[in-house]
Amino acid sequence: MGKAERKGTKRTKGTEGTNEIGPALLTTERERADNSGPWGWVSEMNISSRCEYACRAVVELASREHASSPLTSMYIAEQRGIPEKYLVHILLQLKRAGIVKSIRGSQGGYLMGRSPDEITLLDIVRAIDGAVLDPLPVNDSRGRDLKGAWKEVAKGIENVLERVTVRELVTRSQSSMYYI
């Protein structure tokens, strides 16, 4: 895919044709052809790198939710290609939102704070970036005729993000793995 064709989407090195996170990457030929993501939305929305990294970290934790010991930030960073110093700050935000919990000590690390069935992409986006399109792109008197439209767009984005659970992301990524 050309740069102009994919402007605004996030790509992770080495993930062409996979979809571990959700809207940032496309999965099937049909989805590439009509430019919609696996849940039917157009995947040209810009997502901050912090939010992308938060989603990766949560998916990593959720995929190992039954592990007997917590995952270290170093392990999560290595598995998901996230700068560790950056990840520590992201995990603190996720902890404040109750999405993850931390265990202190030499055997410490991070675990899911709630079931992956209860956590949506909207929960992660709000924990990291705050409300969608808030503040509005331009919020002055000259743009008041657009204000209602931007609020509708924000609500539509929130509705889509709220429908995608972390469990769905984990299930989807596990079903696309190949075993030899």
C-alpha atoms as a PDB file:
ATOM      1  CA  MET A   1       0.000   0.000   0.000  1.00  0.00           C
ATOM      2  CA  GLY A   2       1.258   3.414  -0.904  1.00  0.00           C
ATOM      3  CA  LYS A   3       1.936   6.115   1.633  1.00  0.00           C
ATOM      4  CA  ALA A   4      -0.763   8.407   0.240  1.00  0.00           C
ATOM      5  CA  GLU A   5      -3.319   5.603   0.288  1.00  0.00           C
ATOM      6  CA  ARG A   6      -2.653   4.783   3.959  1.00  0.00           C
ATOM      7  CA  LYS A   7      -2.129   8.315   5.288  1.00  0.00           C
ATOM      8  CA  GLY A   8      -3.124   8.607   8.921  1.00  0.00           C
ATOM      9  CA  THR A   9      -3.018   4.947   9.881  1.00  0.00           C
ATOM     10  CA  LYS A  10      -0.562   3.396  12.257  1.00  0.00           C
ATOM     11  CA  ARG A  11       1.656   0.578  11.069  1.00  0.00           C
ATOM     12  CA  THR A  12       3.905  -1.423  13.278  1.00  0.00           C
ATOM     13  CA  LYS A  13       7.140  -2.735  11.832  1.00  0.00           C
ATOM     14  CA  GLY A  14       6.669  -6.326  10.742  1.00  0.00           C
ATOM     15  CA  THR A  15       2.891  -6.437  11.155  1.00  0.00           C
ATOM     16  CA  GLU A  16       1.765  -6.062   7.548  1.00  0.00           C
ATOM     17  CA  GLY A  17      -1.484  -7.975   7.147  1.00  0.00           C
ATOM     18  CA  THR A  18      -2.091  -8.604  10.843  1.00  0.00           C
ATOM     19  CA  ASN A  19      -4.387  -6.974  13.313  1.00  0.00           C
ATOM     20  CA  GLU A  20      -3.319  -7.284  16.934  1.00  0.00           C
ATOM     21  CA  ILE A  21      -4.725  -4.001  18.179  1.00  0.00           C
ATOM     22  CA  GLY A  22      -7.886  -3.272  16.212  1.00  0.00           C
ATOM     23  CA  PRO A  23      -8.532  -0.202  14.105  1.00  0.00           C
ATOM     24  CA  ALA A  24      -4.941   0.787  13.402  1.00  0.00           C
ATOM     25  CA  LEU A  25      -4.210  -2.111  11.033  1.00  0.00           C
ATOM     26  CA  LEU A  26      -6.243  -3.869   8.362  1.00  0.00           C
ATOM     27  CA  THR A  27      -6.589  -7.632   8.167  1.00  0.00           C
ATOM     28  CA  THR A  28      -8.195  -9.141   5.086  1.00  0.00           C
ATOM     29  CA  GLU A  29      -8.059  -8.438   1.367  1.00  0.00           C
ATOM     30  CA  ARG A  30     -11.686  -7.252   1.480  1.00  0.00           C
ATOM     31  CA  GLU A  31     -10.881  -4.885   4.313  1.00  0.00           C
ATOM     32  CA  ARG A  32      -7.895  -3.541   2.404  1.00  0.00           C
ATOM     33  CA  ALA A  33     -10.038  -3.100  -0.704  1.00  0.00           C
ATOM     34  CA  ASP A  34     -12.827  -1.171   0.983  1.00  0.00           C
ATOM     35  CA  ASN A  35     -10.508   0.433   3.598  1.00  0.00           C
ATOM     36  CA  SER A  36     -12.664  -0.616   6.540  1.00  0.00           C
ATOM     37  CA  GLY A  37     -11.369  -2.336   9.634  1.00  0.00           C
ATOM     38  CA  PRO A  38     -12.408  -5.740  10.921  1.00  0.00           C
ATOM     39  CA  TRP A  39     -15.356  -4.258  12.832  1.00  0.00           C
ATOM     40  CA  GLY A  40     -16.628  -2.287   9.820  1.00  0.00           C
ATOM     41  CA  TRP A  41     -15.279   1.209  10.426  1.00  0.00           C
ATOM     42  CA  VAL A  42     -12.963   3.223   8.243  1.00  0.00           C
ATOM     43  CA  SER A  43      -9.508   2.866   9.677  1.00  0.00           C
ATOM     44  CA  GLU A  44      -8.096   6.284   8.866  1.00  0.00           C
ATOM     45  CA  MET A  45      -8.545   7.668  12.385  1.00  0.00           C
ATOM     46  CA  ASN A  46      -5.316   8.942  13.928  1.00  0.00           C
ATOM     47  CA  ILE A  47      -4.454   7.231  17.174  1.00  0.00           C
ATOM     48  CA  SER A  48      -1.718   8.588  19.418  1.00  0.00           C
ATOM     49  CA  SER A  49       1.352   6.430  19.876  1.00  0.00           C
ATOM     50  CA  ARG A  50       0.670   6.444  23.641  1.00  0.00           C
ATOM     51  CA  CYS A  51      -2.778   5.001  23.010  1.00  0.00           C
ATOM     52  CA  GLU A  52      -1.444   2.435  20.532  1.00  0.00           C
ATOM     53  CA  TYR A  53       1.192   1.348  23.054  1.00  0.00           C
ATOM     54  CA  ALA A  54      -1.416   1.167  25.823  1.00  0.00           C
ATOM     55  CA  CYS A  55      -3.585  -1.100  23.675  1.00  0.00           C
ATOM     56  CA  ARG A  56      -0.604  -3.332  22.906  1.00  0.00           C
ATOM     57  CA  ALA A  57       0.297  -3.603  26.590  1.00  0.00           C
ATOM     58  CA  VAL A  58      -3.268  -4.427  27.642  1.00  0.00           C
ATOM     59  CA  VAL A  59      -3.596  -7.057  24.912  1.00  0.00           C
ATOM     60  CA  GLU A  60      -0.295  -8.612  26.043  1.00  0.00           C
ATOM     61  CA  LEU A  61      -1.480  -8.743  29.659  1.00  0.00           C
ATOM     62  CA  ALA A  62      -4.884 -10.094  28.638  1.00  0.00           C
ATOM     63  CA  SER A  63      -3.345 -12.813  26.478  1.00  0.00           C
ATOM     64  CA  ARG A  64      -1.530 -14.035  29.591  1.00  0.00           C
ATOM     65  CA  GLU A  65      -4.270 -13.358  32.135  1.00  0.00           C
ATOM     66  CA  HIS A  66      -4.064 -16.906  33.542  1.00  0.00           C
ATOM     67  CA  ALA A  67      -0.293 -16.790  34.059  1.00  0.00           C
ATOM     68  CA  SER A  68       0.793 -17.526  37.620  1.00  0.00           C
ATOM     69  CA  SER A  69       3.058 -14.488  37.894  1.00  0.00           C
ATOM     70  CA  PRO A  70       2.754 -10.843  36.843  1.00  0.00           C
ATOM     71  CA  LEU A  71       4.460  -9.557  33.695  1.00  0.00           C
ATOM     72  CA  THR A  72       7.268  -7.036  34.040  1.00  0.00           C
ATOM     73  CA  SER A  73       7.230  -3.826  32.065  1.00  0.00           C
ATOM     74  CA  MET A  74      10.465  -4.987  30.410  1.00  0.00           C
ATOM     75  CA  TYR A  75       8.803  -8.201  29.207  1.00  0.00           C
ATOM     76  CA  ILE A  76       5.735  -6.356  27.883  1.00  0.00           C
ATOM     77  CA  ALA A  77       7.967  -3.790  26.155  1.00  0.00           C
ATOM     78  CA  GLU A  78      10.055  -6.497  24.476  1.00  0.00           C
ATOM     79  CA  GLN A  79       7.044  -8.554  23.373  1.00  0.00           C
ATOM     80  CA  ARG A  80       5.137  -5.598  21.919  1.00  0.00           C
ATOM     81  CA  GLY A  81       7.903  -3.306  20.664  1.00  0.00           C
ATOM     82  CA  ILE A  82       7.257  -0.497  23.129  1.00  0.00           C
ATOM     83  CA  PRO A  83      10.009   1.727  24.564  1.00  0.00           C
ATOM     84  CA  GLU A  84      10.171   0.611  28.226  1.00  0.00           C
ATOM     85  CA  LYS A  85      10.629   4.083  29.729  1.00  0.00           C
ATOM     86  CA  TYR A  86       7.551   5.230  27.824  1.00  0.00           C
ATOM     87  CA  LEU A  87       5.606   2.110  28.835  1.00  0.00           C
ATOM     88  CA  VAL A  88       6.101   2.681  32.568  1.00  0.00           C
ATOM     89  CA  HIS A  89       4.226   6.008  32.336  1.00  0.00           C
ATOM     90  CA  ILE A  90       1.482   4.444  30.226  1.00  0.00           C
ATOM     91  CA  LEU A  91       1.040   1.595  32.719  1.00  0.00           C
ATOM     92  CA  LEU A  92       0.636   4.155  35.528  1.00  0.00           C
ATOM     93  CA  GLN A  93      -2.224   5.792  33.609  1.00  0.00           C
ATOM     94  CA  LEU A  94      -3.818   2.397  32.980  1.00  0.00           C
ATOM     95  CA  LYS A  95      -3.432   1.553  36.672  1.00  0.00           C
ATOM     96  CA  ARG A  96      -5.165   4.792  37.716  1.00  0.00           C
ATOM     97  CA  ALA A  97      -8.063   3.823  35.435  1.00  0.00           C
ATOM     98  CA  GLY A  98      -8.288   0.344  36.985  1.00  0.00           C
ATOM     99  CA  ILE A  99      -7.431  -1.389  33.710  1.00  0.00           C
ATOM    100  CA  VAL A 100      -4.239  -2.938  35.091  1.00  0.00           C
ATOM    101  CA  LYS A 101      -2.918  -3.482  38.581  1.00  0.00           C
ATOM    102  CA  SER A 102       0.659  -3.650  39.787  1.00  0.00           C
ATOM    103  CA  ILE A 103       2.401  -5.963  42.179  1.00  0.00           C
ATOM    104  CA  ARG A 104       5.469  -4.606  43.991  1.00  0.00           C
ATOM    105  CA  GLY A 105       8.659  -6.422  44.822  1.00  0.00           C
ATOM    106  CA  SER A 106      11.254  -8.560  43.118  1.00  0.00           C
ATOM    107  CA  GLN A 107       8.563 -10.881  41.759  1.00  0.00           C
ATOM    108  CA  GLY A 108       6.290  -7.957  40.890  1.00  0.00           C
ATOM    109  CA  GLY A 109       4.920  -6.662  37.657  1.00  0.00           C
ATOM    110  CA  TYR A 110       1.528  -6.051  36.074  1.00  0.00           C
ATOM    111  CA  LEU A 111      -1.725  -7.979  35.827  1.00  0.00           C
ATOM    112  CA  MET A 112      -5.139  -7.193  34.406  1.00  0.00           C
ATOM    113  CA  GLY A 113      -7.150  -4.998  36.771  1.00  0.00           C
ATOM    114  CA  ARG A 114     -10.465  -6.275  35.394  1.00  0.00           C
ATOM    115  CA  SER A 115     -11.590  -9.023  33.086  1.00  0.00           C
ATOM    116  CA  PRO A 116     -10.734  -8.481  29.394  1.00  0.00           C
ATOM    117  CA  ASP A 117     -14.471  -8.951  28.767  1.00  0.00           C
ATOM    118  CA  GLU A 118     -15.170  -5.755  30.714  1.00  0.00           C
ATOM    119  CA  ILE A 119     -12.494  -3.531  29.154  1.00  0.00           C
ATOM    120  CA  THR A 120     -13.144  -1.838  25.819  1.00  0.00           C
ATOM    121  CA  LEU A 121     -10.962   0.164  23.476  1.00  0.00           C
ATOM    122  CA  LEU A 122     -12.912   3.208  24.644  1.00  0.00           C
ATOM    123  CA  ASP A 123     -11.776   2.554  28.241  1.00  0.00           C
ATOM    124  CA  ILE A 124      -8.147   2.504  27.097  1.00  0.00           C
ATOM    125  CA  VAL A 125      -8.490   5.593  24.879  1.00  0.00           C
ATOM    126  CA  ARG A 126     -10.121   7.556  27.708  1.00  0.00           C
ATOM    127  CA  ALA A 127      -7.460   6.433  30.203  1.00  0.00           C
ATOM    128  CA  ILE A 128      -4.635   7.583  27.935  1.00  0.00           C
ATOM    129  CA  ASP A 129      -5.961  10.398  25.746  1.00  0.00           C
ATOM    130  CA  GLY A 130      -9.118  11.490  27.570  1.00  0.00           C
ATOM    131  CA  ALA A 131     -12.454  12.008  25.843  1.00  0.00           C
ATOM    132  CA  VAL A 132     -12.632  11.572  22.065  1.00  0.00           C
ATOM    133  CA  LEU A 133     -12.377  14.908  20.197  1.00  0.00           C
ATOM    134  CA  ASP A 134     -12.318  16.853  23.424  1.00  0.00           C
ATOM    135  CA  PRO A 135     -11.499  19.613  23.088  1.00  0.00           C
ATOM    136  CA  LEU A 136     -13.090  19.952  19.686  1.00  0.00           C
ATOM    137  CA  PRO A 137     -10.663  20.477  16.755  1.00  0.00           C
ATOM    138  CA  VAL A 138     -11.441  24.216  16.668  1.00  0.00           C
ATOM    139  CA  ASN A 139     -13.707  25.573  19.348  1.00  0.00           C
ATOM    140  CA  ASP A 140     -14.326  29.229  18.644  1.00  0.00           C
ATOM    141  CA  SER A 141     -17.289  31.325  17.527  1.00  0.00           C
ATOM    142  CA  ARG A 142     -16.384  31.002  13.831  1.00  0.00           C
ATOM    143  CA  GLY A 143     -16.750  27.221  13.986  1.00  0.00           C
ATOM    144  CA  ARG A 144     -20.020  27.064  15.915  1.00  0.00           C
ATOM    145  CA  ASP A 145     -21.861  25.699  12.859  1.00  0.00           C
ATOM    146  CA  LEU A 146     -19.496  22.669  12.940  1.00  0.00           C
ATOM    147  CA  LYS A 147     -19.640  22.079  16.691  1.00  0.00           C
ATOM    148  CA  GLY A 148     -22.705  19.807  16.521  1.00  0.00           C
ATOM    149  CA  ALA A 149     -21.191  17.758  13.704  1.00  0.00           C
ATOM    150  CA  TRP A 150     -17.924  17.252  15.608  1.00  0.00           C
ATOM    151  CA  LYS A 151     -19.874  16.121  18.672  1.00  0.00           C
ATOM    152  CA  GLU A 152     -21.774  13.591  16.530  1.00  0.00           C
ATOM    153  CA  VAL A 153     -18.504  12.323  15.057  1.00  0.00           C
ATOM    154  CA  ALA A 154     -17.036  11.959  18.570  1.00  0.00           C
ATOM    155  CA  LYS A 155     -20.104  10.026  19.731  1.00  0.00           C
ATOM    156  CA  GLY A 156     -19.900   7.738  16.690  1.00  0.00           C
ATOM    157  CA  ILE A 157     -16.221   7.006  17.347  1.00  0.00           C
ATOM    158  CA  GLU A 158     -16.961   6.331  21.010  1.00  0.00           C
ATOM    159  CA  ASN A 159     -19.773   3.933  20.062  1.00  0.00           C
ATOM    160  CA  VAL A 160     -17.440   1.912  17.840  1.00  0.00           C
ATOM    161  CA  LEU A 161     -14.617   1.857  20.412  1.00  0.00           C
ATOM    162  CA  GLU A 162     -17.079   0.785  23.108  1.00  0.00           C
ATOM    163  CA  ARG A 163     -18.145  -2.274  21.088  1.00  0.00           C
ATOM    164  CA  VAL A 164     -14.626  -3.720  20.894  1.00  0.00           C
ATOM    165  CA  THR A 165     -13.517  -5.563  24.027  1.00  0.00           C
ATOM    166  CA  VAL A 166      -9.985  -6.568  24.877  1.00  0.00           C
ATOM    167  CA  ARG A 167     -11.191 -10.187  24.918  1.00  0.00           C
ATOM    168  CA  GLU A 168     -12.212  -9.834  21.241  1.00  0.00           C
ATOM    169  CA  LEU A 169      -8.768  -8.502  20.372  1.00  0.00           C
ATOM    170  CA  VAL A 170      -7.035 -11.376  22.154  1.00  0.00           C
ATOM    171  CA  THR A 171      -9.341 -13.985  20.592  1.00  0.00           C
ATOM    172  CA  ARG A 172      -8.854 -12.475  17.155  1.00  0.00           C
ATOM    173  CA  SER A 173      -5.052 -12.408  17.447  1.00  0.00           C
ATOM    174  CA  GLN A 174      -4.916 -15.977  18.807  1.00  0.00           C
ATOM    175  CA  SER A 175      -7.134 -17.314  16.042  1.00  0.00           C
ATOM    176  CA  SER A 176      -4.807 -15.828  13.409  1.00  0.00           C
ATOM    177  CA  MET A 177      -1.678 -17.515  14.860  1.00  0.00           C
ATOM    178  CA  TYR A 178      -0.134 -20.363  12.951  1.00  0.00           C
ATOM    179  CA  TYR A 179       1.366 -23.381  14.651  1.00  0.00           C
ATOM    180  CA  ILE A 180       3.853 -25.783  13.070  1.00  0.00           C
END
